[in-house]
Protein backbone atom coordinates (compact mmCIF):
# COMPACT_ATOMS: atom_id res chain seq x y z
CA MET A 1 19.43 -35.20 -3.09
CA VAL A 2 15.59 -34.78 -2.89
CA LYS A 3 14.35 -31.68 -4.61
CA HIS A 4 11.59 -30.08 -2.90
CA LYS A 5 8.52 -28.41 -4.62
CA THR A 6 8.03 -24.91 -4.90
CA ARG A 7 4.50 -23.87 -6.02
CA ILE A 8 2.74 -20.59 -6.83
CA ILE A 9 -1.26 -20.43 -7.04
CA PHE A 10 -2.96 -17.26 -7.97
CA TYR A 11 -6.30 -16.73 -6.18
CA GLY A 12 -6.86 -13.15 -7.60
CA GLY A 13 -5.45 -10.73 -9.93
CA VAL A 14 -5.90 -12.87 -12.84
CA ASN A 15 -7.53 -11.18 -15.89
CA GLU A 16 -8.28 -8.30 -13.72
CA ILE A 17 -6.62 -5.22 -12.30
CA GLY A 18 -6.33 -5.78 -8.53
CA GLY A 19 -7.70 -8.49 -6.13
CA ASN A 20 -4.14 -9.95 -5.73
CA LYS A 21 -3.94 -13.08 -3.65
CA ILE A 22 -0.81 -15.21 -4.40
CA LEU A 23 -0.08 -18.12 -2.42
CA LEU A 24 3.68 -19.49 -2.45
CA GLN A 25 4.20 -22.91 -1.03
CA ASP A 26 7.68 -24.19 -0.38
CA ARG A 27 8.02 -27.46 1.32
CA ASP A 28 5.39 -27.22 4.20
CA THR A 29 5.69 -23.41 4.21
CA LYS A 30 2.70 -21.43 2.85
CA VAL A 31 2.84 -17.74 2.51
CA PHE A 32 0.41 -15.20 0.86
CA PHE A 33 1.42 -12.24 -0.90
CA ASP A 34 -1.57 -9.60 -0.71
CA PHE A 35 -5.06 -10.36 0.17
CA GLY A 36 -7.06 -7.72 -1.67
CA MET A 37 -10.62 -7.16 -2.67
CA SER A 38 -11.58 -7.92 -6.42
CA PHE A 39 -13.53 -4.80 -7.37
CA THR A 40 -14.28 -6.48 -10.67
CA LEU A 41 -15.99 -9.59 -9.30
CA LYS A 42 -17.61 -7.49 -6.57
CA LYS A 43 -19.36 -5.24 -9.06
CA GLN A 44 -20.77 -8.26 -11.09
CA PHE A 45 -22.96 -8.97 -8.18
CA TYR A 46 -23.25 -5.99 -5.63
CA SER A 47 -24.18 -2.44 -5.81
CA PRO A 48 -23.31 -0.76 -2.41
CA PRO A 49 -24.84 0.40 -0.36
CA PHE A 50 -28.34 -1.05 -1.14
CA LEU A 51 -27.05 -4.31 -2.45
CA SER A 52 -24.10 -5.34 -0.31
CA PRO A 53 -22.80 -8.65 0.86
CA ARG A 54 -24.12 -9.78 4.17
CA SER A 55 -21.72 -12.67 5.16
CA GLU A 56 -18.65 -14.48 4.06
CA ARG A 57 -20.68 -17.20 2.84
CA SER A 58 -22.40 -15.02 0.16
CA LEU A 59 -18.92 -13.79 -1.01
CA GLN A 60 -17.64 -17.41 -1.08
CA GLU A 61 -20.73 -18.73 -3.02
CA LEU A 62 -20.33 -16.01 -5.82
CA GLY A 63 -16.50 -16.48 -5.94
CA VAL A 64 -15.59 -13.11 -4.76
CA LEU A 65 -13.67 -14.64 -1.73
CA PRO A 66 -11.88 -17.80 -2.73
CA LYS A 67 -12.40 -21.09 -1.02
CA ILE A 68 -9.27 -21.68 0.70
CA ARG A 69 -8.54 -23.96 3.67
CA GLY A 70 -6.80 -22.83 6.75
CA ILE A 71 -6.73 -19.12 6.27
CA TYR A 72 -10.12 -17.74 7.34
CA LYS A 73 -11.18 -16.64 10.82
CA PHE A 74 -14.66 -17.68 10.14
CA ASP A 75 -13.99 -21.46 9.27
CA GLU A 76 -12.64 -22.47 12.85
CA LYS A 77 -9.97 -24.45 11.38
CA VAL A 78 -6.24 -24.58 12.46
CA PRO A 79 -4.30 -22.20 10.26
CA GLU A 80 -2.57 -23.75 7.37
CA VAL A 81 -0.95 -20.58 6.17
CA ASP A 82 2.17 -19.33 7.95
CA ALA A 83 2.20 -15.70 6.87
CA VAL A 84 0.68 -13.01 4.90
CA PHE A 85 2.88 -10.15 3.26
CA ILE A 86 0.94 -6.95 2.05
CA SER A 87 2.63 -5.01 -0.61
CA HIS A 88 0.99 -1.66 -0.06
CA ALA A 89 -2.17 -0.24 1.45
CA HIS A 90 -4.52 -0.06 -1.55
CA MET A 91 -7.79 -1.90 -1.01
CA ASP A 92 -7.43 -4.17 -4.02
CA HIS A 93 -4.19 -5.62 -2.28
CA SER A 94 -5.15 -5.44 1.50
CA ALA A 95 -8.92 -5.12 2.09
CA TYR A 96 -9.67 -8.77 2.57
CA LEU A 97 -7.25 -9.08 5.47
CA SER A 98 -10.60 -8.62 7.10
CA PHE A 99 -11.23 -12.41 6.80
CA ILE A 100 -7.63 -13.59 7.91
CA ASN A 101 -7.37 -15.87 10.90
CA ARG A 102 -5.93 -13.60 13.65
CA LYS A 103 -3.34 -16.28 14.44
CA ILE A 104 -1.71 -15.80 11.16
CA GLN A 105 1.08 -13.20 11.26
CA VAL A 106 0.72 -10.35 8.91
CA TYR A 107 3.78 -8.26 7.50
CA CYS A 108 3.73 -4.93 5.84
CA GLY A 109 5.71 -1.81 5.48
CA GLU A 110 5.75 0.55 8.42
CA THR A 111 3.87 3.11 6.30
CA THR A 112 1.24 0.68 5.12
CA GLN A 113 0.48 -0.13 8.69
CA ILE A 114 -0.24 3.41 9.62
CA ILE A 115 -2.45 3.90 6.56
CA LEU A 116 -4.42 0.71 7.28
CA HIS A 117 -4.90 1.42 10.95
CA ALA A 118 -5.94 5.11 9.99
CA GLN A 119 -8.42 3.71 7.25
CA SER A 120 -9.85 1.15 9.79
CA GLU A 121 -10.52 3.99 12.40
CA MET A 122 -12.25 6.10 9.60
CA ARG A 123 -14.42 3.35 8.21
CA ARG A 124 -17.46 1.99 10.09
CA ALA A 125 -16.68 -1.65 10.87
CA ASP A 126 -17.92 -3.75 8.06
CA LEU A 127 -17.49 -7.07 6.64
CA GLU A 128 -14.84 -6.36 3.93
CA PHE A 129 -12.40 -4.14 5.60
CA ASN A 130 -11.68 -4.68 9.36
CA VAL A 131 -8.17 -4.99 10.67
CA SER A 132 -8.99 -5.12 14.14
CA GLY A 133 -7.28 -7.99 16.16
CA ILE A 134 -4.36 -8.10 13.48
CA SER A 135 -0.86 -8.06 15.01
CA PHE A 136 1.04 -6.51 12.16
CA LYS A 137 4.70 -7.03 12.18
CA SER A 138 6.19 -3.95 10.14
CA PHE A 139 9.32 -3.72 8.06
CA ARG A 140 11.43 -1.34 5.95
CA THR A 141 13.67 -1.83 3.14
CA GLY A 142 16.95 -3.88 4.35
CA LYS A 143 15.08 -6.03 6.56
CA LYS A 144 15.12 -9.84 5.90
CA ILE A 145 12.15 -11.87 7.30
CA VAL A 146 12.54 -15.68 7.83
CA VAL A 147 9.30 -17.76 7.76
CA ASP A 148 10.20 -21.33 8.37
CA ASN A 149 12.58 -22.22 5.41
CA LEU A 150 11.59 -19.07 3.36
CA GLU A 151 13.42 -15.77 3.48
CA VAL A 152 11.53 -12.80 2.28
CA GLU A 153 13.40 -9.52 1.37
CA PRO A 154 11.13 -6.56 1.04
CA ILE A 155 12.37 -3.78 -1.12
CA HIS A 156 10.59 -0.45 -1.52
CA VAL A 157 9.24 0.73 -4.97
CA ASP A 158 7.63 3.86 -6.19
CA HIS A 159 3.83 3.76 -6.37
CA SER A 160 0.87 6.08 -6.09
CA VAL A 161 0.60 5.42 -2.44
CA PRO A 162 3.52 5.67 0.00
CA GLY A 163 5.18 2.56 1.58
CA ALA A 164 4.65 0.40 -1.25
CA TYR A 165 6.99 -2.75 -1.72
CA GLY A 166 8.14 -5.66 -3.81
CA PHE A 167 9.45 -8.77 -2.55
CA VAL A 168 12.48 -11.05 -3.49
CA VAL A 169 11.49 -14.50 -1.85
CA HIS A 170 14.48 -17.03 -1.55
CA THR A 171 12.93 -20.65 -1.82
CA SER A 172 14.52 -24.02 -1.90
CA ASN A 173 14.48 -23.99 -5.70
CA GLY A 174 15.64 -20.29 -6.29
CA ALA A 175 14.39 -16.74 -5.94
CA VAL A 176 10.95 -15.67 -6.73
CA VAL A 177 10.40 -11.88 -7.24
CA TYR A 178 6.88 -10.29 -6.62
CA THR A 179 6.93 -6.66 -8.06
CA GLY A 180 3.64 -5.59 -6.43
CA ASP A 181 2.57 -2.42 -8.13
CA PHE A 182 5.26 -0.28 -9.10
CA ARG A 183 6.57 2.37 -11.75
CA VAL A 184 9.64 4.35 -12.84
CA HIS A 185 8.09 7.48 -13.91
CA GLY A 186 7.11 8.65 -10.47
CA ALA A 187 8.71 10.97 -7.93
CA LYS A 188 11.13 8.34 -6.68
CA PRO A 189 12.18 5.96 -9.60
CA GLU A 190 15.41 5.21 -7.74
CA MET A 191 13.40 3.17 -5.02
CA THR A 192 12.02 0.96 -7.95
CA GLN A 193 15.46 0.64 -9.36
CA ASP A 194 16.55 -0.72 -6.03
CA LEU A 195 14.27 -3.76 -6.27
CA VAL A 196 15.39 -4.25 -10.14
CA GLU A 197 19.12 -4.46 -8.78
CA LYS A 198 18.07 -6.89 -5.90
CA ALA A 199 16.09 -8.89 -8.34
CA LYS A 200 18.75 -9.13 -10.89
CA LYS A 201 21.38 -10.10 -8.18
CA ALA A 202 19.11 -12.94 -6.99
CA ASP A 203 19.07 -14.68 -10.34
CA PRO A 204 15.45 -15.56 -10.10
CA VAL A 205 13.65 -18.49 -11.37
CA ALA A 206 10.27 -16.58 -11.45
CA VAL A 207 8.96 -13.02 -11.63
CA VAL A 208 5.38 -12.32 -10.81
CA THR A 209 4.67 -8.94 -12.35
CA GLU A 210 1.95 -6.42 -12.61
CA ALA A 211 1.10 -5.63 -16.08
CA THR A 212 -1.68 -2.94 -15.73
CA ASN A 213 -0.89 -0.47 -18.49
CA MET A 214 -0.66 -2.71 -21.53
CA THR A 215 -3.43 -0.40 -23.32
CA GLY A 216 -3.89 3.21 -23.07
CA ALA A 217 -0.50 3.98 -21.50
CA SER A 218 -0.14 7.70 -20.70
CA ILE A 219 3.41 8.87 -20.59
CA SER A 220 3.86 11.74 -17.95
CA SER A 221 5.89 12.36 -15.01
CA GLU A 222 5.18 13.93 -11.48
CA GLU A 223 7.31 17.09 -12.72
CA GLU A 224 5.29 17.38 -15.78
CA VAL A 225 1.83 16.96 -13.98
CA GLU A 226 3.01 19.65 -11.25
CA ASN A 227 3.89 22.00 -14.05
CA LYS A 228 0.59 21.58 -15.64
CA LEU A 229 -1.30 22.16 -12.36
CA ASP A 230 0.73 25.40 -11.90
CA HIS A 231 -0.32 26.36 -15.34
CA ILE A 232 -4.09 25.94 -14.57
CA VAL A 233 -4.16 27.37 -11.25
CA LYS A 234 -2.09 30.43 -12.18
CA GLN A 235 -4.92 31.25 -14.77
CA ALA A 236 -7.88 30.58 -12.57
CA ASP A 237 -9.92 33.65 -11.23
CA GLY A 238 -12.18 31.52 -8.92
CA ILE A 239 -11.95 28.46 -6.86
CA VAL A 240 -10.09 25.34 -7.95
CA LEU A 241 -11.51 21.96 -7.17
CA ALA A 242 -8.93 19.30 -7.09
CA ASP A 243 -10.05 15.61 -7.16
CA PHE A 244 -7.32 13.23 -6.25
CA ALA A 245 -6.82 10.17 -4.10
CA TYR A 246 -6.45 11.07 -0.47
CA THR A 247 -3.71 8.47 -0.06
CA ASP A 248 -1.55 9.75 -3.01
CA VAL A 249 1.06 11.79 -0.97
CA ASP A 250 2.73 12.76 -4.37
CA ARG A 251 -0.25 14.44 -5.60
CA LEU A 252 -0.94 16.09 -2.21
CA ASN A 253 2.52 17.43 -2.22
CA SER A 254 2.05 18.79 -5.79
CA PHE A 255 -1.20 20.53 -5.16
CA TYR A 256 0.15 21.97 -1.73
CA ARG A 257 3.34 23.36 -3.51
CA ILE A 258 1.09 24.95 -6.37
CA ALA A 259 -1.44 26.39 -3.97
CA LYS A 260 1.34 28.07 -1.98
CA LYS A 261 3.18 29.34 -5.15
CA ASN A 262 0.02 30.99 -6.30
CA GLY A 263 -0.93 32.53 -3.27
CA ARG A 264 -3.72 30.13 -2.46
CA CYS A 265 -4.30 27.84 0.52
CA LEU A 266 -4.90 24.01 -0.04
CA ALA A 267 -8.09 22.92 1.84
CA VAL A 268 -8.02 19.20 2.46
CA SER A 269 -10.97 17.05 3.57
CA LEU A 270 -11.41 15.85 7.07
CA LYS A 271 -10.42 12.33 5.89
CA GLN A 272 -7.06 13.49 4.28
CA ALA A 273 -6.36 15.43 7.32
CA TYR A 274 -6.77 12.57 9.59
CA LEU A 275 -4.42 10.46 7.38
CA MET A 276 -1.86 13.32 7.37
CA SER A 277 -1.97 13.64 10.97
CA ALA A 278 -1.34 9.84 11.38
CA LEU A 279 1.45 9.89 8.89
CA GLN A 280 3.42 12.79 10.67
CA SER A 281 4.91 10.01 12.62
CA ASP A 282 6.66 8.52 9.67
CA LYS A 283 9.94 9.96 9.43
CA GLY A 284 10.57 8.74 5.88
CA LEU A 285 7.76 10.74 4.51
CA SER A 286 7.69 14.38 3.48
CA ILE A 287 4.20 15.84 3.63
CA PRO A 288 2.66 19.00 4.49
CA ASN A 289 2.04 20.05 8.13
CA LEU A 290 -1.45 20.44 9.14
CA ASN A 291 -0.31 23.61 11.04
CA ASP A 292 1.22 25.22 7.92
CA LYS A 293 -0.61 28.63 7.07
CA SER A 294 -1.21 27.40 3.41
CA VAL A 295 -3.14 24.34 4.70
CA LEU A 296 -6.76 24.42 5.60
CA ILE A 297 -9.14 21.77 6.43
CA PHE A 298 -12.68 21.71 4.71
CA ARG A 299 -15.54 20.36 6.76
CA LYS A 300 -18.45 19.12 4.91
CA SER A 301 -21.89 20.01 5.77
CA LYS A 302 -23.62 17.37 7.80
CA LYS A 303 -25.38 17.03 11.14
CA LYS A 304 -23.25 14.59 12.77
CA TYR A 305 -19.52 13.87 12.70
CA GLU A 306 -17.73 10.74 13.52
CA LYS A 307 -15.30 10.35 16.40
CA TRP A 308 -12.19 10.71 14.40
CA GLU A 309 -13.68 13.73 12.50
CA ASN A 310 -14.30 15.42 15.83
CA GLN A 311 -10.77 14.76 16.96
CA ILE A 312 -9.48 16.70 13.79
CA ILE A 313 -12.21 19.34 14.30
CA GLU A 314 -11.09 19.90 17.91
CA LYS A 315 -7.28 19.60 17.39
CA TYR A 316 -7.13 21.97 14.35
CA SER A 317 -10.10 24.26 15.28
CA ASN A 318 -8.31 27.48 13.72
CA LYS A 319 -7.91 25.65 10.44
CA ILE A 320 -11.33 24.57 9.75
CA VAL A 321 -13.46 26.06 6.95
CA ASP A 322 -17.05 25.24 5.87
CA VAL A 323 -18.89 25.93 2.69
CA PHE A 324 -19.56 29.37 3.52
CA GLU A 325 -16.12 30.35 4.25
CA ALA A 326 -14.87 28.40 1.37
CA SER A 327 -17.28 30.52 -0.86
CA LYS A 328 -15.91 33.73 0.58
CA ARG A 329 -12.41 33.05 -0.49
CA GLN A 330 -12.65 31.27 -3.88
CA CYS A 331 -9.87 32.99 -5.45
CA LYS A 332 -7.52 32.09 -2.51
CA THR A 333 -8.29 28.37 -2.48
CA VAL A 334 -7.59 25.00 -3.97
CA LEU A 335 -10.28 22.74 -2.45
CA ALA A 336 -9.69 19.04 -2.46
CA MET A 337 -13.16 17.49 -3.45
CA SER A 338 -14.24 14.12 -4.40
CA PHE A 339 -17.11 13.11 -6.74
CA TYR A 340 -19.21 12.42 -3.47
CA ASP A 341 -18.67 16.00 -2.26
CA LEU A 342 -20.43 17.67 -5.20
CA GLU A 343 -23.52 18.50 -3.20
CA GLU A 344 -21.28 21.10 -1.47
CA LEU A 345 -21.25 23.10 -4.65
CA VAL A 346 -24.83 24.33 -3.92
CA GLU A 347 -23.46 26.42 -1.11
CA ILE A 348 -20.11 27.22 -2.39
CA LYS A 349 -21.65 28.71 -5.53
CA PRO A 350 -18.30 28.46 -7.81
CA GLU A 351 -17.70 31.93 -9.28
CA ALA A 352 -16.84 32.67 -12.85
CA GLY A 353 -13.16 31.64 -13.67
CA SER A 354 -13.56 28.43 -11.44
CA CYS A 355 -12.43 25.09 -12.67
CA TYR A 356 -12.05 21.39 -11.64
CA ILE A 357 -9.07 19.30 -11.92
CA LEU A 358 -9.22 15.44 -11.98
CA SER A 359 -6.02 14.09 -11.04
CA ALA A 360 -6.92 10.44 -10.73
CA SER A 361 -7.36 7.53 -13.22
CA GLU A 362 -9.91 7.92 -15.98
CA PRO A 363 -13.12 5.79 -15.99
CA PHE A 364 -12.48 2.33 -17.30
CA ASN A 365 -15.84 0.39 -16.74
CA GLU A 366 -19.51 1.10 -17.35
CA GLU A 367 -20.18 1.86 -13.65
CA MET A 368 -17.52 4.65 -13.54
CA GLU A 369 -18.70 6.03 -16.76
CA ILE A 370 -22.20 6.65 -15.22
CA ASP A 371 -20.60 8.35 -12.32
CA PHE A 372 -18.34 10.36 -14.87
CA GLU A 373 -21.54 11.45 -16.67
CA LYS A 374 -23.00 12.77 -13.38
CA LEU A 375 -19.85 14.72 -12.64
CA THR A 376 -20.00 16.09 -16.06
CA ASN A 377 -23.67 17.24 -15.41
CA TRP A 378 -22.59 18.95 -12.11
CA LEU A 379 -19.67 20.75 -13.66
CA ARG A 380 -21.64 21.82 -16.57
CA HIS A 381 -24.47 23.26 -14.37
CA TYR A 382 -21.95 25.37 -12.55
CA GLY A 383 -19.81 26.46 -15.69
CA LEU A 384 -16.76 24.63 -14.49
CA PRO A 385 -14.46 23.37 -17.18
CA GLN A 386 -12.64 20.09 -16.46
CA TYR A 387 -8.78 19.41 -16.67
CA HIS A 388 -7.29 16.06 -16.47
CA ALA A 389 -3.69 15.92 -15.05
CA HIS A 390 -2.33 12.51 -13.52
CA VAL A 391 0.53 10.29 -13.19
CA SER A 392 -0.31 6.60 -13.36
CA GLY A 393 0.88 4.57 -10.43
CA HIS A 394 1.85 1.79 -12.88
CA ILE A 395 4.73 0.99 -14.98
CA MET A 396 4.54 1.77 -18.60
CA PRO A 397 4.99 -1.20 -21.13
CA LEU A 398 8.29 -0.53 -22.65
CA GLN A 399 9.91 0.22 -19.33
CA LEU A 400 8.28 -3.02 -17.93
CA LYS A 401 9.85 -4.89 -20.76
CA ALA A 402 13.40 -3.31 -20.30
CA ILE A 403 13.12 -4.29 -16.57
CA LEU A 404 12.05 -7.88 -17.27
CA LYS A 405 14.74 -8.27 -19.85
CA GLU A 406 17.38 -7.00 -17.27
CA VAL A 407 16.21 -9.38 -14.46
CA ASN A 408 16.08 -12.29 -17.00
CA ALA A 409 13.88 -14.64 -14.83
CA THR A 410 13.37 -18.14 -16.19
CA THR A 411 9.61 -17.65 -16.03
CA ILE A 412 7.53 -14.56 -15.83
CA PHE A 413 3.78 -14.78 -14.51
CA PRO A 414 1.87 -11.45 -15.43
CA ILE A 415 -1.04 -10.55 -13.29
CA HIS A 416 -3.21 -7.38 -12.29
CA THR A 417 -4.07 -6.79 -15.87
CA GLU A 418 -6.82 -7.34 -18.37
CA ASN A 419 -4.50 -7.83 -21.13
CA ALA A 420 -2.38 -10.93 -20.43
CA GLU A 421 -2.35 -12.20 -23.99
CA LEU A 422 -1.30 -8.92 -25.28
CA PHE A 423 1.54 -8.97 -22.53
CA THR A 424 2.75 -12.43 -23.61
CA ARG A 425 2.84 -11.26 -27.38
CA PHE A 426 4.64 -8.16 -26.47
CA MET A 427 7.33 -9.99 -24.44
CA ARG A 428 7.66 -12.95 -26.95
CA ASP A 429 11.41 -12.09 -27.78
CA LEU A 430 12.60 -12.16 -24.25
CA LYS A 431 14.61 -15.17 -23.00
CA SER A 432 12.25 -15.67 -20.27
CA GLN A 433 9.19 -17.90 -20.79
CA THR A 434 5.60 -16.10 -20.10
CA VAL A 435 2.95 -18.08 -18.63
CA LEU A 436 -0.63 -17.05 -19.00
CA VAL A 437 -1.98 -17.54 -15.58
CA GLU A 438 -5.15 -19.43 -14.62
CA LYS A 439 -7.05 -18.72 -11.64
CA SER A 440 -6.61 -21.33 -8.71
CA ARG A 441 -4.12 -23.43 -10.63
CA GLY A 442 -0.81 -24.34 -9.25
CA TYR A 443 2.49 -23.78 -11.07
CA THR A 444 5.56 -25.68 -10.00
CA ILE A 445 8.88 -23.78 -10.32
């Protein structure tokens, strides 16, 4: 009996956090799992908006976009890839769908499809994120997708964006598990446990796992963070500024509940309101309703608004507040505000007893440190103390080790990490063999 080769090639996510692009080839079938932007590589050469990539050629020249045959819409070749599966909507896993040949089928979760379409409508059409022309095929847990001789089984996981999935892929040489980004300390650990149970049952020959938090792991749960937020907001006399990812539904829900509990309104950005409006159609999600009396929509000060912004302003005209209204009701407001909104503080004029809560990842590179320094300068100027209350979207090392021991795959491929060697030493007593991944190299399983 002829044994067919199954190979995995990693075109991204190697020695970096994000940028995942994983090609699985079984017989003549080629399927990619994720096709994300590498922020690490991009920042080595570009500084948007003044130094930005102008073409696919420049991105390929610098290695930001890998040179792969038969996948891109700009190379005018017949597609050699049969499908792309997206694990979740974060840009480091999905943004480079922009370059995919529109004849290639793209699969993603129903929630991910909603988020990607909403983000596409909110962003000006640009080189690096444009999903127009893609005909998505969506799925939910329990659906099995057959691509030629591969059977792909998506299983939901808990992450810091809704609609995240891992995959069990049934190949001619056994099952391959791809975890995507996942955790067990979030709001829905039972979803991640579903993936673990399916993976264990499949008796996999390989697991491709994220290993983000090998250093600086911070143990906290959604419940603990919500309690911290309550403690902070309860003591604040002025406005509470909340900086969190607008796609982080768990954090949105936490701030909403805490604002309501303390007799305040949560004022979300137009961007977050647009996404919330889009996600109302997702029956599997629980998010605040924009018509709720405890929800307001903050309109930034600018001369011209985009089409999608005007849609929200017109649809929810009675919910819109500007800087002047926010300034008048400071002790009654939790205002969602990003680093790029700090100019609004000039008109808001935060009162004594106000504060700022960072509920996102801490700075981890030089560029973010510079932004962090500017943030501190703004907060210092207005007498705003800074609190940090956050739950990582990624699994912690000891929890990850316990899961990998339970799944007991023949081989483990760690990606989405800057500490693969540390991971390998940490996992050295497992029965599974850990392979230090090299970029663009093929591995036979």
